[in-house]
């Protein structure tokens, strides 16, 4: 994405302390966002990231879940 991007999320079961963690291609954490509830939308600004490939993972209760890839173009 470039500019603003959005990621929809949804947990099938009730969760405690859901969050989304963003990693760069080297595996370093670059951003963490606490989520509100079992479903919602995260709005991202490309200005918060360098251009490149990133991975993001949903987690809750300390358990890692789904991971996806995203590209940032500035």
PDB file of N, CA and C in Angstrom:
ATOM      1  N   UNK A   1       0.840  -1.177   0.000  1.00  0.00           N
ATOM      2  CA  UNK A   1       0.000   0.000   0.000  1.00  0.00           C
ATOM      3  C   UNK A   1       0.881   1.234   0.000  1.00  0.00           C
ATOM      4  N   UNK A   2       0.306   2.305  -0.355  1.00  0.00           N
ATOM      5  CA  UNK A   2       0.940   3.615  -0.314  1.00  0.00           C
ATOM      6  C   UNK A   2      -0.088   4.577   0.252  1.00  0.00           C
ATOM      7  N   UNK A   3       0.339   5.495   1.096  1.00  0.00           N
ATOM      8  CA  UNK A   3      -0.632   6.382   1.749  1.00  0.00           C
ATOM      9  C   UNK A   3      -1.260   5.666   2.922  1.00  0.00           C
ATOM     10  N   UNK A   4      -2.578   5.507   2.885  1.00  0.00           N
ATOM     11  CA  UNK A   4      -3.290   4.787   3.940  1.00  0.00           C
ATOM     12  C   UNK A   4      -3.673   3.399   3.455  1.00  0.00           C
ATOM     13  N   UNK A   5      -3.569   2.435   4.342  1.00  0.00           N
ATOM     14  CA  UNK A   5      -3.984   1.068   4.044  1.00  0.00           C
ATOM     15  C   UNK A   5      -4.827   0.554   5.188  1.00  0.00           C
ATOM     16  N   UNK A   6      -5.607  -0.477   4.917  1.00  0.00           N
ATOM     17  CA  UNK A   6      -6.427  -1.033   5.995  1.00  0.00           C
ATOM     18  C   UNK A   6      -6.323  -2.546   5.991  1.00  0.00           C
ATOM     19  N   UNK A   7      -6.385  -3.092   7.182  1.00  0.00           N
ATOM     20  CA  UNK A   7      -6.379  -4.540   7.377  1.00  0.00           C
ATOM     21  C   UNK A   7      -7.588  -4.889   8.222  1.00  0.00           C
ATOM     22  N   UNK A   8      -8.447  -5.735   7.690  1.00  0.00           N
ATOM     23  CA  UNK A   8      -9.590  -6.243   8.437  1.00  0.00           C
ATOM     24  C   UNK A   8      -9.133  -7.465   9.231  1.00  0.00           C
ATOM     25  N   UNK A   9      -9.606  -7.593  10.449  1.00  0.00           N
ATOM     26  CA  UNK A   9      -9.284  -8.780  11.235  1.00  0.00           C
ATOM     27  C   UNK A   9     -10.531  -9.306  11.913  1.00  0.00           C
ATOM     28  N   UNK A  10     -10.491 -10.608  12.206  1.00  0.00           N
ATOM     29  CA  UNK A  10     -11.614 -11.243  12.892  1.00  0.00           C
ATOM     30  C   UNK A  10     -11.116 -12.520  13.565  1.00  0.00           C
ATOM     31  N   UNK A  11     -11.382 -12.645  14.853  1.00  0.00           N
ATOM     32  CA  UNK A  11     -11.100 -13.864  15.601  1.00  0.00           C
ATOM     33  C   UNK A  11     -12.405 -14.641  15.720  1.00  0.00           C
ATOM     34  N   UNK A  12     -12.347 -15.940  15.522  1.00  0.00           N
ATOM     35  CA  UNK A  12     -13.548 -16.772  15.588  1.00  0.00           C
ATOM     36  C   UNK A  12     -14.056 -16.962  17.016  1.00  0.00           C
ATOM     37  N   UNK A  13     -13.143 -17.005  17.977  1.00  0.00           N
ATOM     38  CA  UNK A  13     -13.491 -17.226  19.374  1.00  0.00           C
ATOM     39  C   UNK A  13     -13.261 -15.943  20.157  1.00  0.00           C
ATOM     40  N   UNK A  14     -13.912 -15.775  21.294  1.00  0.00           N
ATOM     41  CA  UNK A  14     -13.592 -14.635  22.162  1.00  0.00           C
ATOM     42  C   UNK A  14     -12.112 -14.692  22.559  1.00  0.00           C
ATOM     43  N   UNK A  15     -11.454 -13.535  22.550  1.00  0.00           N
ATOM     44  CA  UNK A  15     -10.023 -13.496  22.839  1.00  0.00           C
ATOM     45  C   UNK A  15      -9.713 -12.464  23.914  1.00  0.00           C
ATOM     46  N   UNK A  16      -8.538 -12.606  24.494  1.00  0.00           N
ATOM     47  CA  UNK A  16      -8.050 -11.690  25.523  1.00  0.00           C
ATOM     48  C   UNK A  16      -6.722 -11.131  25.035  1.00  0.00           C
ATOM     49  N   UNK A  17      -6.543  -9.844  25.108  1.00  0.00           N
ATOM     50  CA  UNK A  17      -5.327  -9.142  24.694  1.00  0.00           C
ATOM     51  C   UNK A  17      -4.942  -9.400  23.229  1.00  0.00           C
ATOM     52  N   UNK A  18      -5.865  -9.172  22.295  1.00  0.00           N
ATOM     53  CA  UNK A  18      -5.493  -9.362  20.892  1.00  0.00           C
ATOM     54  C   UNK A  18      -4.550  -8.254  20.425  1.00  0.00           C
ATOM     55  N   UNK A  19      -3.622  -8.619  19.550  1.00  0.00           N
ATOM     56  CA  UNK A  19      -2.733  -7.616  18.980  1.00  0.00           C
ATOM     57  C   UNK A  19      -2.272  -8.039  17.597  1.00  0.00           C
ATOM     58  N   UNK A  20      -1.768  -7.054  16.864  1.00  0.00           N
ATOM     59  CA  UNK A  20      -1.204  -7.276  15.543  1.00  0.00           C
ATOM     60  C   UNK A  20       0.241  -6.795  15.604  1.00  0.00           C
ATOM     61  N   UNK A  21       1.166  -7.666  15.192  1.00  0.00           N
ATOM     62  CA  UNK A  21       2.593  -7.345  15.242  1.00  0.00           C
ATOM     63  C   UNK A  21       3.142  -7.336  13.820  1.00  0.00           C
ATOM     64  N   UNK A  22       3.921  -6.304  13.505  1.00  0.00           N
ATOM     65  CA  UNK A  22       4.509  -6.141  12.175  1.00  0.00           C
ATOM     66  C   UNK A  22       6.005  -6.395  12.250  1.00  0.00           C
ATOM     67  N   UNK A  23       6.509  -7.201  11.314  1.00  0.00           N
ATOM     68  CA  UNK A  23       7.922  -7.571  11.252  1.00  0.00           C
ATOM     69  C   UNK A  23       8.501  -7.140   9.907  1.00  0.00           C
ATOM     70  N   UNK A  24       9.767  -6.728   9.906  1.00  0.00           N
ATOM     71  CA  UNK A  24      10.411  -6.455   8.624  1.00  0.00           C
ATOM     72  C   UNK A  24      10.905  -7.773   8.038  1.00  0.00           C
ATOM     73  N   UNK A  25      11.523  -7.732   6.864  1.00  0.00           N
ATOM     74  CA  UNK A  25      11.969  -8.938   6.173  1.00  0.00           C
ATOM     75  C   UNK A  25      13.053  -9.686   6.947  1.00  0.00           C
ATOM     76  N   UNK A  26      13.726  -9.002   7.871  1.00  0.00           N
ATOM     77  CA  UNK A  26      14.772  -9.634   8.686  1.00  0.00           C
ATOM     78  C   UNK A  26      14.190 -10.280   9.948  1.00  0.00           C
ATOM     79  N   UNK A  27      12.900 -10.084  10.193  1.00  0.00           N
ATOM     80  CA  UNK A  27      12.240 -10.677  11.349  1.00  0.00           C
ATOM     81  C   UNK A  27      12.189  -9.795  12.582  1.00  0.00           C
ATOM     82  N   UNK A  28      12.662  -8.554  12.465  1.00  0.00           N
ATOM     83  CA  UNK A  28      12.624  -7.628  13.603  1.00  0.00           C
ATOM     84  C   UNK A  28      11.236  -6.997  13.722  1.00  0.00           C
ATOM     85  N   UNK A  29      10.746  -6.856  14.945  1.00  0.00           N
ATOM     86  CA  UNK A  29       9.458  -6.204  15.182  1.00  0.00           C
ATOM     87  C   UNK A  29       9.609  -4.714  14.898  1.00  0.00           C
ATOM     88  N   UNK A  30       8.711  -4.177  14.061  1.00  0.00           N
ATOM     89  CA  UNK A  30       8.755  -2.747  13.743  1.00  0.00           C
ATOM     90  C   UNK A  30       7.554  -1.988  14.298  1.00  0.00           C
ATOM     91  N   UNK A  31       6.477  -2.708  14.625  1.00  0.00           N
ATOM     92  CA  UNK A  31       5.284  -2.036  15.149  1.00  0.00           C
ATOM     93  C   UNK A  31       4.372  -3.075  15.788  1.00  0.00           C
ATOM     94  N   UNK A  32       3.734  -2.691  16.892  1.00  0.00           N
ATOM     95  CA  UNK A  32       2.724  -3.531  17.526  1.00  0.00           C
ATOM     96  C   UNK A  32       1.498  -2.679  17.802  1.00  0.00           C
ATOM     97  N   UNK A  33       0.333  -3.263  17.539  1.00  0.00           N
ATOM     98  CA  UNK A  33      -0.923  -2.557  17.755  1.00  0.00           C
ATOM     99  C   UNK A  33      -1.835  -3.440  18.598  1.00  0.00           C
ATOM    100  N   UNK A  34      -2.329  -2.880  19.701  1.00  0.00           N
ATOM    101  CA  UNK A  34      -3.339  -3.594  20.491  1.00  0.00           C
ATOM    102  C   UNK A  34      -4.675  -3.440  19.779  1.00  0.00           C
ATOM    103  N   UNK A  35      -5.393  -4.536  19.680  1.00  0.00           N
ATOM    104  CA  UNK A  35      -6.665  -4.547  18.972  1.00  0.00           C
ATOM    105  C   UNK A  35      -7.818  -4.470  19.958  1.00  0.00           C
ATOM    106  N   UNK A  36      -8.940  -3.967  19.476  1.00  0.00           N
ATOM    107  CA  UNK A  36     -10.138  -3.843  20.302  1.00  0.00           C
ATOM    108  C   UNK A  36     -11.165  -4.867  19.872  1.00  0.00           C
ATOM    109  N   UNK A  37     -11.370  -5.877  20.678  1.00  0.00           N
ATOM    110  CA  UNK A  37     -12.415  -6.847  20.401  1.00  0.00           C
ATOM    111  C   UNK A  37     -12.019  -7.928  19.422  1.00  0.00           C
ATOM    112  N   UNK A  38     -13.023  -8.731  19.055  1.00  0.00           N
ATOM    113  CA  UNK A  38     -12.800  -9.884  18.186  1.00  0.00           C
ATOM    114  C   UNK A  38     -12.704  -9.550  16.710  1.00  0.00           C
ATOM    115  N   UNK A  39     -13.181  -8.377  16.317  1.00  0.00           N
ATOM    116  CA  UNK A  39     -13.073  -8.008  14.912  1.00  0.00           C
ATOM    117  C   UNK A  39     -13.005  -6.499  14.767  1.00  0.00           C
ATOM    118  N   UNK A  40     -12.431  -6.077  13.650  1.00  0.00           N
ATOM    119  CA  UNK A  40     -12.295  -4.653  13.414  1.00  0.00           C
ATOM    120  C   UNK A  40     -11.419  -4.375  12.209  1.00  0.00           C
ATOM    121  N   UNK A  41     -11.003  -3.133  12.108  1.00  0.00           N
ATOM    122  CA  UNK A  41     -10.163  -2.669  11.002  1.00  0.00           C
ATOM    123  C   UNK A  41      -8.992  -1.895  11.585  1.00  0.00           C
ATOM    124  N   UNK A  42      -7.799  -2.191  11.106  1.00  0.00           N
ATOM    125  CA  UNK A  42      -6.601  -1.449  11.472  1.00  0.00           C
ATOM    126  C   UNK A  42      -6.247  -0.556  10.290  1.00  0.00           C
ATOM    127  N   UNK A  43      -6.131   0.749  10.526  1.00  0.00           N
ATOM    128  CA  UNK A  43      -5.736   1.705   9.497  1.00  0.00           C
ATOM    129  C   UNK A  43      -4.246   1.992   9.668  1.00  0.00           C
ATOM    130  N   UNK A  44      -3.489   1.840   8.589  1.00  0.00           N
ATOM    131  CA  UNK A  44      -2.049   2.062   8.618  1.00  0.00           C
ATOM    132  C   UNK A  44      -1.678   3.226   7.712  1.00  0.00           C
ATOM    133  N   UNK A  45      -0.631   3.934   8.084  1.00  0.00           N
ATOM    134  CA  UNK A  45      -0.091   5.020   7.272  1.00  0.00           C
ATOM    135  C   UNK A  45       1.283   4.577   6.779  1.00  0.00           C
ATOM    136  N   UNK A  46       1.510   4.633   5.478  1.00  0.00           N
ATOM    137  CA  UNK A  46       2.788   4.185   4.924  1.00  0.00           C
ATOM    138  C   UNK A  46       3.955   5.012   5.451  1.00  0.00           C
ATOM    139  N   UNK A  47       3.685   6.205   5.973  1.00  0.00           N
ATOM    140  CA  UNK A  47       4.748   7.042   6.535  1.00  0.00           C
ATOM    141  C   UNK A  47       5.366   6.417   7.794  1.00  0.00           C
ATOM    142  N   UNK A  48       4.653   5.458   8.400  1.00  0.00           N
ATOM    143  CA  UNK A  48       5.157   4.785   9.597  1.00  0.00           C
ATOM    144  C   UNK A  48       6.142   3.662   9.270  1.00  0.00           C
ATOM    145  N   UNK A  49       6.320   3.355   7.982  1.00  0.00           N
ATOM    146  CA  UNK A  49       7.164   2.252   7.543  1.00  0.00           C
ATOM    147  C   UNK A  49       8.108   2.722   6.444  1.00  0.00           C
ATOM    148  N   UNK A  50       9.271   2.090   6.348  1.00  0.00           N
ATOM    149  CA  UNK A  50      10.135   2.275   5.194  1.00  0.00           C
ATOM    150  C   UNK A  50       9.541   1.469   4.042  1.00  0.00           C
ATOM    151  N   UNK A  51       9.874   1.796   2.811  1.00  0.00           N
ATOM    152  CA  UNK A  51       9.428   0.987   1.677  1.00  0.00           C
ATOM    153  C   UNK A  51       9.986  -0.417   1.822  1.00  0.00           C
ATOM    154  N   UNK A  52       9.177  -1.417   1.509  1.00  0.00           N
ATOM    155  CA  UNK A  52       9.652  -2.797   1.563  1.00  0.00           C
ATOM    156  C   UNK A  52       8.551  -3.789   1.852  1.00  0.00           C
ATOM    157  N   UNK A  53       8.979  -5.019   2.109  1.00  0.00           N
ATOM    158  CA  UNK A  53       8.077  -6.123   2.409  1.00  0.00           C
ATOM    159  C   UNK A  53       8.033  -6.309   3.922  1.00  0.00           C
ATOM    160  N   UNK A  54       6.825  -6.493   4.440  1.00  0.00           N
ATOM    161  CA  UNK A  54       6.613  -6.719   5.861  1.00  0.00           C
ATOM    162  C   UNK A  54       5.675  -7.903   6.052  1.00  0.00           C
ATOM    163  N   UNK A  55       5.728  -8.468   7.230  1.00  0.00           N
ATOM    164  CA  UNK A  55       4.808  -9.531   7.615  1.00  0.00           C
ATOM    165  C   UNK A  55       4.090  -9.074   8.874  1.00  0.00           C
ATOM    166  N   UNK A  56       2.821  -9.436   8.986  1.00  0.00           N
ATOM    167  CA  UNK A  56       2.089  -9.107  10.209  1.00  0.00           C
ATOM    168  C   UNK A  56       1.393 -10.356  10.714  1.00  0.00           C
ATOM    169  N   UNK A  57       1.315 -10.458  12.026  1.00  0.00           N
ATOM    170  CA  UNK A  57       0.749 -11.629  12.683  1.00  0.00           C
ATOM    171  C   UNK A  57      -0.285 -11.193  13.703  1.00  0.00           C
ATOM    172  N   UNK A  58      -1.409 -11.875  13.696  1.00  0.00           N
ATOM    173  CA  UNK A  58      -2.419 -11.689  14.730  1.00  0.00           C
ATOM    174  C   UNK A  58      -2.089 -12.626  15.879  1.00  0.00           C
ATOM    175  N   UNK A  59      -2.272 -12.139  17.093  1.00  0.00           N
ATOM    176  CA  UNK A  59      -2.058 -13.000  18.251  1.00  0.00           C
ATOM    177  C   UNK A  59      -3.040 -12.613  19.355  1.00  0.00           C
ATOM    178  N   UNK A  60      -3.232 -13.527  20.278  1.00  0.00           N
ATOM    179  CA  UNK A  60      -4.065 -13.272  21.453  1.00  0.00           C
ATOM    180  C   UNK A  60      -3.630 -14.211  22.560  1.00  0.00           C
ATOM    181  N   UNK A  61      -3.721 -13.732  23.784  1.00  0.00           N
ATOM    182  CA  UNK A  61      -3.324 -14.528  24.948  1.00  0.00           C
ATOM    183  C   UNK A  61      -1.903 -15.060  24.792  1.00  0.00           C
ATOM    184  N   UNK A  62      -1.050 -14.359  24.052  1.00  0.00           N
ATOM    185  CA  UNK A  62       0.323 -14.799  23.839  1.00  0.00           C
ATOM    186  C   UNK A  62       0.480 -15.886  22.793  1.00  0.00           C
ATOM    187  N   UNK A  63      -0.608 -16.283  22.126  1.00  0.00           N
ATOM    188  CA  UNK A  63      -0.568 -17.345  21.117  1.00  0.00           C
ATOM    189  C   UNK A  63      -0.558 -16.706  19.727  1.00  0.00           C
ATOM    190  N   UNK A  64       0.449 -17.053  18.936  1.00  0.00           N
ATOM    191  CA  UNK A  64       0.527 -16.516  17.577  1.00  0.00           C
ATOM    192  C   UNK A  64      -0.513 -17.186  16.693  1.00  0.00           C
ATOM    193  N   UNK A  65      -1.066 -16.384  15.780  1.00  0.00           N
ATOM    194  CA  UNK A  65      -2.069 -16.896  14.866  1.00  0.00           C
ATOM    195  C   UNK A  65      -1.671 -16.677  13.425  1.00  0.00           C
ATOM    196  N   UNK A  66      -2.592 -16.198  12.652  1.00  0.00           N
ATOM    197  CA  UNK A  66      -2.428 -15.998  11.228  1.00  0.00           C
ATOM    198  C   UNK A  66      -1.366 -14.951  10.915  1.00  0.00           C
ATOM    199  N   UNK A  67      -0.528 -15.252   9.916  1.00  0.00           N
ATOM    200  CA  UNK A  67       0.452 -14.291   9.416  1.00  0.00           C
ATOM    201  C   UNK A  67       0.161 -13.990   7.955  1.00  0.00           C
ATOM    202  N   UNK A  68       0.400 -12.756   7.564  1.00  0.00           N
ATOM    203  CA  UNK A  68       0.202 -12.311   6.189  1.00  0.00           C
ATOM    204  C   UNK A  68       1.362 -11.421   5.783  1.00  0.00           C
ATOM    205  N   UNK A  69       1.486 -11.190   4.493  1.00  0.00           N
ATOM    206  CA  UNK A  69       2.543 -10.334   3.964  1.00  0.00           C
ATOM    207  C   UNK A  69       1.936  -9.038   3.442  1.00  0.00           C
ATOM    208  N   UNK A  70       2.684  -7.955   3.541  1.00  0.00           N
ATOM    209  CA  UNK A  70       2.239  -6.677   2.961  1.00  0.00           C
ATOM    210  C   UNK A  70       3.451  -5.955   2.366  1.00  0.00           C
ATOM    211  N   UNK A  71       3.191  -5.149   1.379  1.00  0.00           N
ATOM    212  CA  UNK A  71       4.234  -4.332   0.745  1.00  0.00           C
ATOM    213  C   UNK A  71       3.921  -2.874   0.990  1.00  0.00           C
ATOM    214  N   UNK A  72       4.951  -2.091   1.300  1.00  0.00           N
ATOM    215  CA  UNK A  72       4.798  -0.675   1.513  1.00  0.00           C
ATOM    216  C   UNK A  72       5.617   0.049   0.443  1.00  0.00           C
ATOM    217  N   UNK A  73       4.959   0.971  -0.241  1.00  0.00           N
ATOM    218  CA  UNK A  73       5.603   1.779  -1.271  1.00  0.00           C
ATOM    219  C   UNK A  73       5.421   3.238  -0.877  1.00  0.00           C
ATOM    220  N   UNK A  74       6.526   3.967  -0.756  1.00  0.00           N
ATOM    221  CA  UNK A  74       6.432   5.366  -0.376  1.00  0.00           C
ATOM    222  C   UNK A  74       6.895   6.248  -1.489  1.00  0.00           C
TER     223      UNK A  74
END
